[in-house]
Amino acid sequence: MEVKEGILLGMGNPLLDISAVVKTSLLTKHNLKSNDAILTEDEQIFKDLQDGYKVDYIAGGATQNSIRVAQWVLGKKFATSYFGAVGKDKTAQILEDKAREDGVKPVYQKVNKPTGRCAVLITGQDRSLVTKLDAANHFTVSHLENSANWEVVTDAQTVYSAGFFLTVSVESMLKVGKFCAETNRTYCLNLSAPFLIQFFKDQMMSVMPYADIVFGNETEATTFAEVHNLHTRDIREIARRISMLPKVNGSKGRLVIITQGSDPVVCVYQGNVLEFPAEKLSADRIVDTNGAGDAFVGGFLAQYVQGRPLDVAVRCGIWAATHIIQRSGCTLPDKMDFCMTAA
């Protein structure tokens, strides 16, 4: 299938990742947990990070990471587009330049706030994400209602948002989700973080009926089961129950994909529970697990939008995630050498 420009659209929170390997004492000082993701309004963590450590700057934000990875796999320039709100500052220009360098078409809403940042605190193989949304928090549905921008939506066959966007513009997610349901396009949602499932439950469940594909990891799946009183910790069963939640577009079933690190990826499709083995890397080859989940989604969607079978899409997701965790931050190697046929 020929890849068209704009076939895949991401809607999310564009952030500049400020990444460093840190001492656990920094996490303790700010009451942070390893392998967690939180929102903050506090500037101090960024100051401590930049004053105390050698940092890398990477164009980030969960959805933008996934779109960048998908673009890398697809290869055709501007096969992917991306919506999100940024400031009118130097950071926004860095983000836009990085996105375009990667072949993504950024369609940012410019607002009078500083561009959002994410502190990526790496301890061993774990990472703690602390996000100050700033401009990203001010994306509005009016940006979609501009006719040129709505054309970006109508060009897309598949739209993806990480759950983090639920804290920003549910209205935008619902508008695009409804459009996808009415026109038989694919709308995808990621559970993204336990705090979203717990504290943004109503927002998440308002968007869920439009979600044709739901992504998550095992921690998010078990949190979902607890919050929704599913009375099980079995990942396969939780995925099956999510797949059966009410859905607006009844012409296609909901695909649910739960990653479990180096354990098998669990997929539920048309009532069938499938497992795909993940690749287990030796500890000395793992540099940074930040972005592994984002990369999985990117690899998966790059194959999905081309109409490839589920097993190929999942394998590409695993392959992309395996590449990313061997690098610092969600950065991409020059060479894209995914092989369609399993070795």
C-alpha atoms as a PDB file:
ATOM      1  CA  MET A   1       0.000   0.000   0.000  1.00  0.00           C
ATOM      2  CA  GLU A   2       1.369   3.407  -0.968  1.00  0.00           C
ATOM      3  CA  VAL A   3       2.011   5.654   2.029  1.00  0.00           C
ATOM      4  CA  LYS A   4       0.167   8.949   1.604  1.00  0.00           C
ATOM      5  CA  GLU A   5       1.214  12.248   3.162  1.00  0.00           C
ATOM      6  CA  GLY A   6      -0.525  12.852   6.478  1.00  0.00           C
ATOM      7  CA  ILE A   7      -1.854   9.267   6.777  1.00  0.00           C
ATOM      8  CA  LEU A   8      -1.096   9.266  10.526  1.00  0.00           C
ATOM      9  CA  LEU A   9      -1.947  12.159  12.870  1.00  0.00           C
ATOM     10  CA  GLY A  10      -0.847  12.566  16.478  1.00  0.00           C
ATOM     11  CA  MET A  11      -2.522  14.918  18.967  1.00  0.00           C
ATOM     12  CA  GLY A  12      -0.685  15.525  22.214  1.00  0.00           C
ATOM     13  CA  ASN A  13       1.558  17.581  24.447  1.00  0.00           C
ATOM     14  CA  PRO A  14       4.746  18.755  22.694  1.00  0.00           C
ATOM     15  CA  LEU A  15       7.536  18.973  25.257  1.00  0.00           C
ATOM     16  CA  LEU A  16      11.255  19.552  25.276  1.00  0.00           C
ATOM     17  CA  ASP A  17      12.740  16.599  27.162  1.00  0.00           C
ATOM     18  CA  ILE A  18      15.561  17.554  29.520  1.00  0.00           C
ATOM     19  CA  SER A  19      17.222  14.248  30.216  1.00  0.00           C
ATOM     20  CA  ALA A  20      20.040  13.174  32.561  1.00  0.00           C
ATOM     21  CA  VAL A  21      21.339  10.249  34.578  1.00  0.00           C
ATOM     22  CA  VAL A  22      20.791  11.380  38.178  1.00  0.00           C
ATOM     23  CA  LYS A  23      21.469  10.251  41.738  1.00  0.00           C
ATOM     24  CA  THR A  24      18.533   8.715  43.596  1.00  0.00           C
ATOM     25  CA  SER A  25      18.923  11.544  46.136  1.00  0.00           C
ATOM     26  CA  LEU A  26      17.384  13.916  43.546  1.00  0.00           C
ATOM     27  CA  LEU A  27      14.267  11.720  43.397  1.00  0.00           C
ATOM     28  CA  THR A  28      14.127  11.570  47.197  1.00  0.00           C
ATOM     29  CA  LYS A  29      14.468  15.371  47.497  1.00  0.00           C
ATOM     30  CA  HIS A  30      11.420  15.892  45.265  1.00  0.00           C
ATOM     31  CA  ASN A  31       9.404  12.897  46.558  1.00  0.00           C
ATOM     32  CA  LEU A  32       9.562  11.159  43.154  1.00  0.00           C
ATOM     33  CA  LYS A  33       9.332   7.470  42.326  1.00  0.00           C
ATOM     34  CA  SER A  34      11.436   5.714  39.703  1.00  0.00           C
ATOM     35  CA  ASN A  35       9.434   4.516  36.680  1.00  0.00           C
ATOM     36  CA  ASP A  36       6.625   6.979  37.310  1.00  0.00           C
ATOM     37  CA  ALA A  37       5.141   9.915  35.405  1.00  0.00           C
ATOM     38  CA  ILE A  38       3.689  13.004  37.098  1.00  0.00           C
ATOM     39  CA  LEU A  39       2.675  16.578  36.315  1.00  0.00           C
ATOM     40  CA  THR A  40       4.165  19.481  38.254  1.00  0.00           C
ATOM     41  CA  GLU A  41       3.855  23.241  38.520  1.00  0.00           C
ATOM     42  CA  ASP A  42       7.213  23.464  40.330  1.00  0.00           C
ATOM     43  CA  GLU A  43      10.257  24.969  38.590  1.00  0.00           C
ATOM     44  CA  GLN A  44      12.765  23.709  41.173  1.00  0.00           C
ATOM     45  CA  ILE A  45      13.204  20.219  39.728  1.00  0.00           C
ATOM     46  CA  PHE A  46      14.288  21.718  36.368  1.00  0.00           C
ATOM     47  CA  LYS A  47      16.701  24.073  38.121  1.00  0.00           C
ATOM     48  CA  ASP A  48      18.223  21.252  40.200  1.00  0.00           C
ATOM     49  CA  LEU A  49      18.521  19.053  37.120  1.00  0.00           C
ATOM     50  CA  GLN A  50      20.172  21.668  34.899  1.00  0.00           C
ATOM     51  CA  ASP A  51      22.440  23.011  37.657  1.00  0.00           C
ATOM     52  CA  GLY A  52      23.566  19.625  38.951  1.00  0.00           C
ATOM     53  CA  TYR A  53      23.844  17.361  35.920  1.00  0.00           C
ATOM     54  CA  LYS A  54      24.927  17.162  32.276  1.00  0.00           C
ATOM     55  CA  VAL A  55      21.630  17.186  30.395  1.00  0.00           C
ATOM     56  CA  ASP A  56      20.495  16.210  26.881  1.00  0.00           C
ATOM     57  CA  TYR A  57      17.732  18.130  25.095  1.00  0.00           C
ATOM     58  CA  ILE A  58      15.392  16.007  22.980  1.00  0.00           C
ATOM     59  CA  ALA A  59      12.123  16.846  21.182  1.00  0.00           C
ATOM     60  CA  GLY A  60       9.640  14.927  23.278  1.00  0.00           C
ATOM     61  CA  GLY A  61       6.181  14.407  24.637  1.00  0.00           C
ATOM     62  CA  ALA A  62       4.757  10.876  24.513  1.00  0.00           C
ATOM     63  CA  THR A  63       2.573  11.317  21.419  1.00  0.00           C
ATOM     64  CA  GLN A  64       5.218  13.274  19.508  1.00  0.00           C
ATOM     65  CA  ASN A  65       7.755  10.514  20.312  1.00  0.00           C
ATOM     66  CA  SER A  66       5.428   7.866  18.863  1.00  0.00           C
ATOM     67  CA  ILE A  67       4.779   9.949  15.745  1.00  0.00           C
ATOM     68  CA  ARG A  68       8.514  10.554  15.239  1.00  0.00           C
ATOM     69  CA  VAL A  69       9.210   6.815  15.473  1.00  0.00           C
ATOM     70  CA  ALA A  70       6.349   6.009  13.066  1.00  0.00           C
ATOM     71  CA  GLN A  71       7.698   8.610  10.647  1.00  0.00           C
ATOM     72  CA  TRP A  72      11.178   7.067  10.862  1.00  0.00           C
ATOM     73  CA  VAL A  73       9.769   3.621  10.001  1.00  0.00           C
ATOM     74  CA  LEU A  74       7.474   4.917   7.229  1.00  0.00           C
ATOM     75  CA  GLY A  75      10.279   6.934   5.626  1.00  0.00           C
ATOM     76  CA  LYS A  76       8.076   9.087   3.367  1.00  0.00           C
ATOM     77  CA  LYS A  77       8.418  12.766   4.324  1.00  0.00           C
ATOM     78  CA  PHE A  78       5.351  14.192   6.078  1.00  0.00           C
ATOM     79  CA  ALA A  79       3.601  10.810   6.180  1.00  0.00           C
ATOM     80  CA  THR A  80       2.805  11.939   9.720  1.00  0.00           C
ATOM     81  CA  SER A  81       1.363  15.159  11.193  1.00  0.00           C
ATOM     82  CA  TYR A  82       1.158  16.378  14.743  1.00  0.00           C
ATOM     83  CA  PHE A  83      -1.063  18.783  16.723  1.00  0.00           C
ATOM     84  CA  GLY A  84      -0.126  20.317  20.060  1.00  0.00           C
ATOM     85  CA  ALA A  85       0.330  23.716  21.715  1.00  0.00           C
ATOM     86  CA  VAL A  86       3.699  25.433  22.109  1.00  0.00           C
ATOM     87  CA  GLY A  87       4.862  28.872  23.216  1.00  0.00           C
ATOM     88  CA  LYS A  88       6.180  31.678  21.042  1.00  0.00           C
ATOM     89  CA  ASP A  89       9.733  31.077  22.220  1.00  0.00           C
ATOM     90  CA  LYS A  90      13.086  29.585  21.274  1.00  0.00           C
ATOM     91  CA  THR A  91      12.128  26.200  22.750  1.00  0.00           C
ATOM     92  CA  ALA A  92       9.150  25.998  20.368  1.00  0.00           C
ATOM     93  CA  GLN A  93      11.437  26.712  17.426  1.00  0.00           C
ATOM     94  CA  ILE A  94      13.802  23.908  18.547  1.00  0.00           C
ATOM     95  CA  LEU A  95      10.827  21.522  18.752  1.00  0.00           C
ATOM     96  CA  GLU A  96       9.523  22.509  15.328  1.00  0.00           C
ATOM     97  CA  ASP A  97      12.957  22.216  13.702  1.00  0.00           C
ATOM     98  CA  LYS A  98      13.522  18.778  15.286  1.00  0.00           C
ATOM     99  CA  ALA A  99      10.108  17.522  14.172  1.00  0.00           C
ATOM    100  CA  ARG A 100      10.635  18.691  10.588  1.00  0.00           C
ATOM    101  CA  GLU A 101      14.158  17.220  10.571  1.00  0.00           C
ATOM    102  CA  ASP A 102      12.523  13.893  11.443  1.00  0.00           C
ATOM    103  CA  GLY A 103      10.030  14.300   8.560  1.00  0.00           C
ATOM    104  CA  VAL A 104       7.000  15.029  10.785  1.00  0.00           C
ATOM    105  CA  LYS A 105       4.686  17.906   9.809  1.00  0.00           C
ATOM    106  CA  PRO A 106       4.091  19.892  13.025  1.00  0.00           C
ATOM    107  CA  VAL A 107       0.868  21.916  13.085  1.00  0.00           C
ATOM    108  CA  TYR A 108       1.391  23.645  16.422  1.00  0.00           C
ATOM    109  CA  GLN A 109      -1.009  26.038  18.099  1.00  0.00           C
ATOM    110  CA  LYS A 110       1.092  29.001  19.305  1.00  0.00           C
ATOM    111  CA  VAL A 111       0.051  30.406  22.690  1.00  0.00           C
ATOM    112  CA  ASN A 112       1.379  33.077  25.059  1.00  0.00           C
ATOM    113  CA  LYS A 113       2.932  30.635  27.545  1.00  0.00           C
ATOM    114  CA  PRO A 114       6.394  29.057  27.786  1.00  0.00           C
ATOM    115  CA  THR A 115       6.785  25.815  25.800  1.00  0.00           C
ATOM    116  CA  GLY A 116       6.303  22.715  27.964  1.00  0.00           C
ATOM    117  CA  ARG A 117       9.214  20.678  29.341  1.00  0.00           C
ATOM    118  CA  CYS A 118       9.710  17.225  30.774  1.00  0.00           C
ATOM    119  CA  ALA A 119      12.473  16.342  33.233  1.00  0.00           C
ATOM    120  CA  VAL A 120      13.625  12.795  32.430  1.00  0.00           C
ATOM    121  CA  LEU A 121      15.448  11.494  35.514  1.00  0.00           C
ATOM    122  CA  ILE A 122      17.339   8.290  34.771  1.00  0.00           C
ATOM    123  CA  THR A 123      18.487   6.044  37.636  1.00  0.00           C
ATOM    124  CA  GLY A 124      19.972   2.742  36.452  1.00  0.00           C
ATOM    125  CA  GLN A 125      17.495   1.345  33.914  1.00  0.00           C
ATOM    126  CA  ASP A 126      14.559   3.241  35.423  1.00  0.00           C
ATOM    127  CA  ARG A 127      13.253   6.651  34.581  1.00  0.00           C
ATOM    128  CA  SER A 128      11.014   9.144  36.313  1.00  0.00           C
ATOM    129  CA  LEU A 129       9.186  11.726  34.193  1.00  0.00           C
ATOM    130  CA  VAL A 130       8.230  15.102  35.645  1.00  0.00           C
ATOM    131  CA  THR A 131       6.258  17.255  33.223  1.00  0.00           C
ATOM    132  CA  LYS A 132       5.502  20.959  33.389  1.00  0.00           C
ATOM    133  CA  LEU A 133       2.951  21.371  30.610  1.00  0.00           C
ATOM    134  CA  ASP A 134       2.847  25.177  30.401  1.00  0.00           C
ATOM    135  CA  ALA A 135       1.908  25.954  26.750  1.00  0.00           C
ATOM    136  CA  ALA A 136       0.954  22.321  26.038  1.00  0.00           C
ATOM    137  CA  ASN A 137      -1.845  22.702  28.594  1.00  0.00           C
ATOM    138  CA  HIS A 138      -3.523  25.394  26.472  1.00  0.00           C
ATOM    139  CA  PHE A 139      -4.387  23.499  23.282  1.00  0.00           C
ATOM    140  CA  THR A 140      -7.988  24.293  22.312  1.00  0.00           C
ATOM    141  CA  VAL A 141     -10.533  22.791  19.958  1.00  0.00           C
ATOM    142  CA  SER A 142     -10.549  26.108  18.053  1.00  0.00           C
ATOM    143  CA  HIS A 143      -7.211  25.059  16.514  1.00  0.00           C
ATOM    144  CA  LEU A 144      -9.009  22.108  14.881  1.00  0.00           C
ATOM    145  CA  GLU A 145     -11.831  24.320  13.671  1.00  0.00           C
ATOM    146  CA  ASN A 146      -9.476  26.319  11.445  1.00  0.00           C
ATOM    147  CA  SER A 147     -10.253  24.909   7.965  1.00  0.00           C
ATOM    148  CA  ALA A 148      -6.600  24.301   6.980  1.00  0.00           C
ATOM    149  CA  ASN A 149      -6.012  22.430  10.247  1.00  0.00           C
ATOM    150  CA  TRP A 150      -9.209  20.380   9.929  1.00  0.00           C
ATOM    151  CA  GLU A 151      -7.891  19.286   6.527  1.00  0.00           C
ATOM    152  CA  VAL A 152      -4.990  17.668   8.413  1.00  0.00           C
ATOM    153  CA  VAL A 153      -7.609  15.623  10.310  1.00  0.00           C
ATOM    154  CA  THR A 154      -9.512  14.648   7.144  1.00  0.00           C
ATOM    155  CA  ASP A 155      -6.245  13.612   5.417  1.00  0.00           C
ATOM    156  CA  ALA A 156      -5.443  11.166   8.236  1.00  0.00           C
ATOM    157  CA  GLN A 157      -6.614   7.571   8.203  1.00  0.00           C
ATOM    158  CA  THR A 158      -5.413   6.930  11.763  1.00  0.00           C
ATOM    159  CA  VAL A 159      -5.283   9.350  14.710  1.00  0.00           C
ATOM    160  CA  TYR A 160      -3.337   8.674  17.916  1.00  0.00           C
ATOM    161  CA  SER A 161      -3.276  10.383  21.315  1.00  0.00           C
ATOM    162  CA  ALA A 162      -1.446   9.386  24.458  1.00  0.00           C
ATOM    163  CA  GLY A 163      -3.667   9.558  27.541  1.00  0.00           C
ATOM    164  CA  PHE A 164      -1.719  12.604  28.763  1.00  0.00           C
ATOM    165  CA  PHE A 165      -3.793  14.715  26.360  1.00  0.00           C
ATOM    166  CA  LEU A 166      -6.863  13.913  28.513  1.00  0.00           C
ATOM    167  CA  THR A 167      -5.619  16.523  31.010  1.00  0.00           C
ATOM    168  CA  VAL A 168      -5.551  19.174  28.263  1.00  0.00           C
ATOM    169  CA  SER A 169      -8.363  18.952  25.705  1.00  0.00           C
ATOM    170  CA  VAL A 170     -10.897  16.151  25.996  1.00  0.00           C
ATOM    171  CA  GLU A 171     -13.102  18.288  23.736  1.00  0.00           C
ATOM    172  CA  SER A 172     -10.542  17.968  20.907  1.00  0.00           C
ATOM    173  CA  MET A 173     -10.239  14.212  21.446  1.00  0.00           C
ATOM    174  CA  LEU A 174     -14.014  13.773  21.334  1.00  0.00           C
ATOM    175  CA  LYS A 175     -14.371  15.920  18.202  1.00  0.00           C
ATOM    176  CA  VAL A 176     -11.764  13.883  16.318  1.00  0.00           C
ATOM    177  CA  GLY A 177     -12.919  10.576  17.839  1.00  0.00           C
ATOM    178  CA  LYS A 178     -16.487  11.210  16.638  1.00  0.00           C
ATOM    179  CA  PHE A 179     -15.226  12.134  13.167  1.00  0.00           C
ATOM    180  CA  CYS A 180     -13.193   8.907  13.014  1.00  0.00           C
ATOM    181  CA  ALA A 181     -16.219   6.828  14.079  1.00  0.00           C
ATOM    182  CA  GLU A 182     -18.484   8.486  11.497  1.00  0.00           C
ATOM    183  CA  THR A 183     -15.997   8.047   8.636  1.00  0.00           C
ATOM    184  CA  ASN A 184     -14.655   4.603   9.643  1.00  0.00           C
ATOM    185  CA  ARG A 185     -11.158   5.921  10.357  1.00  0.00           C
ATOM    186  CA  THR A 186      -9.091   4.528  13.244  1.00  0.00           C
ATOM    187  CA  TYR A 187      -8.817   6.382  16.546  1.00  0.00           C
ATOM    188  CA  CYS A 188      -6.169   5.214  19.035  1.00  0.00           C
ATOM    189  CA  LEU A 189      -5.751   5.950  22.745  1.00  0.00           C
ATOM    190  CA  ASN A 190      -2.973   5.090  25.190  1.00  0.00           C
ATOM    191  CA  LEU A 191      -3.674   4.574  28.917  1.00  0.00           C
ATOM    192  CA  SER A 192      -0.219   6.208  29.416  1.00  0.00           C
ATOM    193  CA  ALA A 193       0.060   6.481  33.229  1.00  0.00           C
ATOM    194  CA  PRO A 194      -1.629   5.173  36.396  1.00  0.00           C
ATOM    195  CA  PHE A 195      -2.511   8.714  37.603  1.00  0.00           C
ATOM    196  CA  LEU A 196      -4.610   9.296  34.457  1.00  0.00           C
ATOM    197  CA  ILE A 197      -6.631   6.128  35.049  1.00  0.00           C
ATOM    198  CA  GLN A 198      -7.151   7.102  38.697  1.00  0.00           C
ATOM    199  CA  PHE A 199      -7.711  10.869  38.581  1.00  0.00           C
ATOM    200  CA  PHE A 200      -8.919  11.437  35.015  1.00  0.00           C
ATOM    201  CA  LYS A 201     -11.222   8.420  34.969  1.00  0.00           C
ATOM    202  CA  ASP A 202     -14.283  10.296  33.680  1.00  0.00           C
ATOM    203  CA  GLN A 203     -12.317  12.002  30.914  1.00  0.00           C
ATOM    204  CA  MET A 204     -10.737   8.713  29.839  1.00  0.00           C
ATOM    205  CA  MET A 205     -14.053   6.856  29.843  1.00  0.00           C
ATOM    206  CA  SER A 206     -15.723   9.616  27.792  1.00  0.00           C
ATOM    207  CA  VAL A 207     -13.145   9.068  25.024  1.00  0.00           C
ATOM    208  CA  MET A 208     -12.960   5.249  25.326  1.00  0.00           C
ATOM    209  CA  PRO A 209     -16.116   4.552  23.206  1.00  0.00           C
ATOM    210  CA  TYR A 210     -14.322   6.115  20.223  1.00  0.00           C
ATOM    211  CA  ALA A 211     -11.073   4.167  20.723  1.00  0.00           C
ATOM    212  CA  ASP A 212     -10.538   1.479  18.065  1.00  0.00           C
ATOM    213  CA  ILE A 213      -7.093   0.651  19.450  1.00  0.00           C
ATOM    214  CA  VAL A 214      -6.106   0.952  23.120  1.00  0.00           C
ATOM    215  CA  PHE A 215      -2.450   0.699  24.161  1.00  0.00           C
ATOM    216  CA  GLY A 216      -1.059   0.309  27.670  1.00  0.00           C
ATOM    217  CA  ASN A 217       1.507  -1.491  29.796  1.00  0.00           C
ATOM    218  CA  GLU A 218       1.026  -4.043  32.577  1.00  0.00           C
ATOM    219  CA  THR A 219       1.109  -1.436  35.406  1.00  0.00           C
ATOM    220  CA  GLU A 220      -1.551   0.669  33.677  1.00  0.00           C
ATOM    221  CA  ALA A 221      -3.638  -2.444  32.999  1.00  0.00           C
ATOM    222  CA  THR A 222      -3.633  -3.538  36.648  1.00  0.00           C
ATOM    223  CA  THR A 223      -4.420   0.048  37.757  1.00  0.00           C
ATOM    224  CA  PHE A 224      -7.329   0.072  35.282  1.00  0.00           C
ATOM    225  CA  ALA A 225      -8.622  -3.196  36.800  1.00  0.00           C
ATOM    226  CA  GLU A 226      -8.416  -1.761  40.335  1.00  0.00           C
ATOM    227  CA  VAL A 227     -10.104   1.551  39.480  1.00  0.00           C
ATOM    228  CA  HIS A 228     -12.899  -0.176  37.542  1.00  0.00           C
ATOM    229  CA  ASN A 229     -13.372  -3.040  40.070  1.00  0.00           C
ATOM    230  CA  LEU A 230     -12.642  -5.790  37.555  1.00  0.00           C
ATOM    231  CA  HIS A 231     -11.514  -8.106  40.415  1.00  0.00           C
ATOM    232  CA  THR A 232      -8.618  -9.577  38.466  1.00  0.00           C
ATOM    233  CA  ARG A 233      -4.904  -8.976  38.043  1.00  0.00           C
ATOM    234  CA  ASP A 234      -4.656 -11.267  35.029  1.00  0.00           C
ATOM    235  CA  ILE A 235      -3.349  -9.099  32.155  1.00  0.00           C
ATOM    236  CA  ARG A 236      -5.012 -11.237  29.483  1.00  0.00           C
ATOM    237  CA  GLU A 237      -8.384 -10.946  31.204  1.00  0.00           C
ATOM    238  CA  ILE A 238      -8.012  -7.185  31.812  1.00  0.00           C
ATOM    239  CA  ALA A 239      -7.176  -6.656  28.127  1.00  0.00           C
ATOM    240  CA  ARG A 240     -10.213  -8.741  27.143  1.00  0.00           C
ATOM    241  CA  ARG A 241     -12.493  -6.682  29.414  1.00  0.00           C
ATOM    242  CA  ILE A 242     -11.172  -3.385  27.985  1.00  0.00           C
ATOM    243  CA  SER A 243     -11.844  -4.716  24.477  1.00  0.00           C
ATOM    244  CA  MET A 244     -15.482  -5.329  25.437  1.00  0.00           C
ATOM    245  CA  LEU A 245     -16.216  -1.824  26.762  1.00  0.00           C
ATOM    246  CA  PRO A 246     -18.940   0.051  24.810  1.00  0.00           C
ATOM    247  CA  LYS A 247     -17.854   1.258  21.382  1.00  0.00           C
ATOM    248  CA  VAL A 248     -19.480   3.797  19.017  1.00  0.00           C
ATOM    249  CA  ASN A 249     -18.217   2.387  15.715  1.00  0.00           C
ATOM    250  CA  GLY A 250     -19.565  -1.150  15.864  1.00  0.00           C
ATOM    251  CA  SER A 251     -18.305  -2.019  12.387  1.00  0.00           C
ATOM    252  CA  LYS A 252     -14.891  -2.950  13.804  1.00  0.00           C
ATOM    253  CA  GLY A 253     -13.917  -4.502  17.106  1.00  0.00           C
ATOM    254  CA  ARG A 254     -11.574  -2.815  19.568  1.00  0.00           C
ATOM    255  CA  LEU A 255      -7.961  -3.974  19.502  1.00  0.00           C
ATOM    256  CA  VAL A 256      -6.251  -3.855  22.912  1.00  0.00           C
ATOM    257  CA  ILE A 257      -2.465  -4.120  23.188  1.00  0.00           C
ATOM    258  CA  ILE A 258      -0.686  -4.419  26.542  1.00  0.00           C
ATOM    259  CA  THR A 259       3.116  -4.431  26.672  1.00  0.00           C
ATOM    260  CA  GLN A 260       4.964  -6.024  29.600  1.00  0.00           C
ATOM    261  CA  GLY A 261       8.618  -5.011  29.224  1.00  0.00           C
ATOM    262  CA  SER A 262      10.557  -8.117  28.211  1.00  0.00           C
ATOM    263  CA  ASP A 263       7.506 -10.355  28.842  1.00  0.00           C
ATOM    264  CA  PRO A 264       5.118 -11.157  25.973  1.00  0.00           C
ATOM    265  CA  VAL A 265       2.901  -8.478  24.417  1.00  0.00           C
ATOM    266  CA  VAL A 266      -0.771  -9.314  25.040  1.00  0.00           C
ATOM    267  CA  CYS A 267      -3.250  -8.465  22.264  1.00  0.00           C
ATOM    268  CA  VAL A 268      -7.008  -8.933  22.239  1.00  0.00           C
ATOM    269  CA  TYR A 269      -8.667  -8.799  18.864  1.00  0.00           C
ATOM    270  CA  GLN A 270     -12.142 -10.017  17.877  1.00  0.00           C
ATOM    271  CA  GLY A 271     -12.435 -11.855  21.181  1.00  0.00           C
ATOM    272  CA  ASN A 272      -9.143 -13.725  20.745  1.00  0.00           C
ATOM    273  CA  VAL A 273      -6.308 -13.282  23.242  1.00  0.00           C
ATOM    274  CA  LEU A 274      -2.925 -13.473  21.516  1.00  0.00           C
ATOM    275  CA  GLU A 275       0.597 -13.267  22.900  1.00  0.00           C
ATOM    276  CA  PHE A 276       3.746 -12.207  21.061  1.00  0.00           C
ATOM    277  CA  PRO A 277       7.187 -12.776  22.594  1.00  0.00           C
ATOM    278  CA  ALA A 278       9.189  -9.627  23.312  1.00  0.00           C
ATOM    279  CA  GLU A 279      12.953  -9.413  22.925  1.00  0.00           C
ATOM    280  CA  LYS A 280      14.904  -9.647  26.166  1.00  0.00           C
ATOM    281  CA  LEU A 281      18.107  -7.632  26.137  1.00  0.00           C
ATOM    282  CA  SER A 282      20.962  -8.216  28.548  1.00  0.00           C
ATOM    283  CA  ALA A 283      21.183  -5.467  31.192  1.00  0.00           C
ATOM    284  CA  ASP A 284      24.465  -4.122  29.805  1.00  0.00           C
ATOM    285  CA  ARG A 285      22.771  -3.287  26.473  1.00  0.00           C
ATOM    286  CA  ILE A 286      19.956  -1.235  28.045  1.00  0.00           C
ATOM    287  CA  VAL A 287      20.823   2.464  28.168  1.00  0.00           C
ATOM    288  CA  ASP A 288      17.484   4.143  28.942  1.00  0.00           C
ATOM    289  CA  THR A 289      13.938   2.724  29.039  1.00  0.00           C
ATOM    290  CA  ASN A 290      12.430   6.198  28.540  1.00  0.00           C
ATOM    291  CA  GLY A 291      10.391   6.189  25.344  1.00  0.00           C
ATOM    292  CA  ALA A 292      10.192   2.385  24.997  1.00  0.00           C
ATOM    293  CA  GLY A 293       6.388   2.408  25.164  1.00  0.00           C
ATOM    294  CA  ASP A 294       6.191   5.411  22.828  1.00  0.00           C
ATOM    295  CA  ALA A 295       8.515   3.663  20.359  1.00  0.00           C
ATOM    296  CA  PHE A 296       6.423   0.482  20.477  1.00  0.00           C
ATOM    297  CA  VAL A 297       3.327   2.474  19.485  1.00  0.00           C
ATOM    298  CA  GLY A 298       5.232   4.247  16.701  1.00  0.00           C
ATOM    299  CA  GLY A 299       6.566   1.009  15.239  1.00  0.00           C
ATOM    300  CA  PHE A 300       3.160  -0.645  15.506  1.00  0.00           C
ATOM    301  CA  LEU A 301       1.243   2.217  13.880  1.00  0.00           C
ATOM    302  CA  ALA A 302       3.756   2.536  11.016  1.00  0.00           C
ATOM    303  CA  GLN A 303       2.823  -1.005   9.944  1.00  0.00           C
ATOM    304  CA  TYR A 304      -0.863  -0.702  10.874  1.00  0.00           C
ATOM    305  CA  VAL A 305      -1.448   2.324   8.603  1.00  0.00           C
ATOM    306  CA  GLN A 306       0.021   0.310   5.731  1.00  0.00           C
ATOM    307  CA  GLY A 307      -2.533  -2.451   6.303  1.00  0.00           C
ATOM    308  CA  ARG A 308       0.024  -4.989   7.503  1.00  0.00           C
ATOM    309  CA  PRO A 309      -1.046  -8.018   9.607  1.00  0.00           C
ATOM    310  CA  LEU A 310      -1.231  -7.730  13.400  1.00  0.00           C
ATOM    311  CA  ASP A 311       1.800  -9.952  14.004  1.00  0.00           C
ATOM    312  CA  VAL A 312       3.993  -7.795  11.708  1.00  0.00           C
ATOM    313  CA  ALA A 313       2.796  -4.576  13.401  1.00  0.00           C
ATOM    314  CA  VAL A 314       3.474  -5.968  16.898  1.00  0.00           C
ATOM    315  CA  ARG A 315       6.887  -7.253  15.834  1.00  0.00           C
ATOM    316  CA  CYS A 316       7.760  -3.816  14.445  1.00  0.00           C
ATOM    317  CA  GLY A 317       6.639  -2.244  17.741  1.00  0.00           C
ATOM    318  CA  ILE A 318       8.886  -4.593  19.721  1.00  0.00           C
ATOM    319  CA  TRP A 319      11.730  -3.981  17.274  1.00  0.00           C
ATOM    320  CA  ALA A 320      11.392  -0.174  17.599  1.00  0.00           C
ATOM    321  CA  ALA A 321      11.213  -0.322  21.413  1.00  0.00           C
ATOM    322  CA  THR A 322      14.301  -2.560  21.500  1.00  0.00           C
ATOM    323  CA  HIS A 323      16.218  -0.005  19.394  1.00  0.00           C
ATOM    324  CA  ILE A 324      15.154   2.953  21.549  1.00  0.00           C
ATOM    325  CA  ILE A 325      16.151   1.442  24.927  1.00  0.00           C
ATOM    326  CA  GLN A 326      19.702   0.982  23.645  1.00  0.00           C
ATOM    327  CA  ARG A 327      19.985   4.763  23.161  1.00  0.00           C
ATOM    328  CA  SER A 328      19.729   7.775  25.438  1.00  0.00           C
ATOM    329  CA  GLY A 329      16.250   9.326  25.202  1.00  0.00           C
ATOM    330  CA  CYS A 330      13.758   8.722  22.402  1.00  0.00           C
ATOM    331  CA  THR A 331      16.374   9.241  19.672  1.00  0.00           C
ATOM    332  CA  LEU A 332      16.487   7.454  16.341  1.00  0.00           C
ATOM    333  CA  PRO A 333      19.333   5.646  14.595  1.00  0.00           C
ATOM    334  CA  ASP A 334      20.071   6.801  11.025  1.00  0.00           C
ATOM    335  CA  LYS A 335      19.320   3.399   9.565  1.00  0.00           C
ATOM    336  CA  MET A 336      15.804   1.922   9.631  1.00  0.00           C
ATOM    337  CA  ASP A 337      16.295  -1.787   8.976  1.00  0.00           C
ATOM    338  CA  PHE A 338      13.111  -3.480  10.152  1.00  0.00           C
ATOM    339  CA  CYS A 339      12.628  -6.752   8.312  1.00  0.00           C
ATOM    340  CA  MET A 340       9.037  -7.635   7.347  1.00  0.00           C
ATOM    341  CA  THR A 341       9.622 -11.360   7.622  1.00  0.00           C
ATOM    342  CA  ALA A 342      10.601 -12.885  10.952  1.00  0.00           C
ATOM    343  CA  ALA A 343      14.146 -14.212  11.034  1.00  0.00           C
END
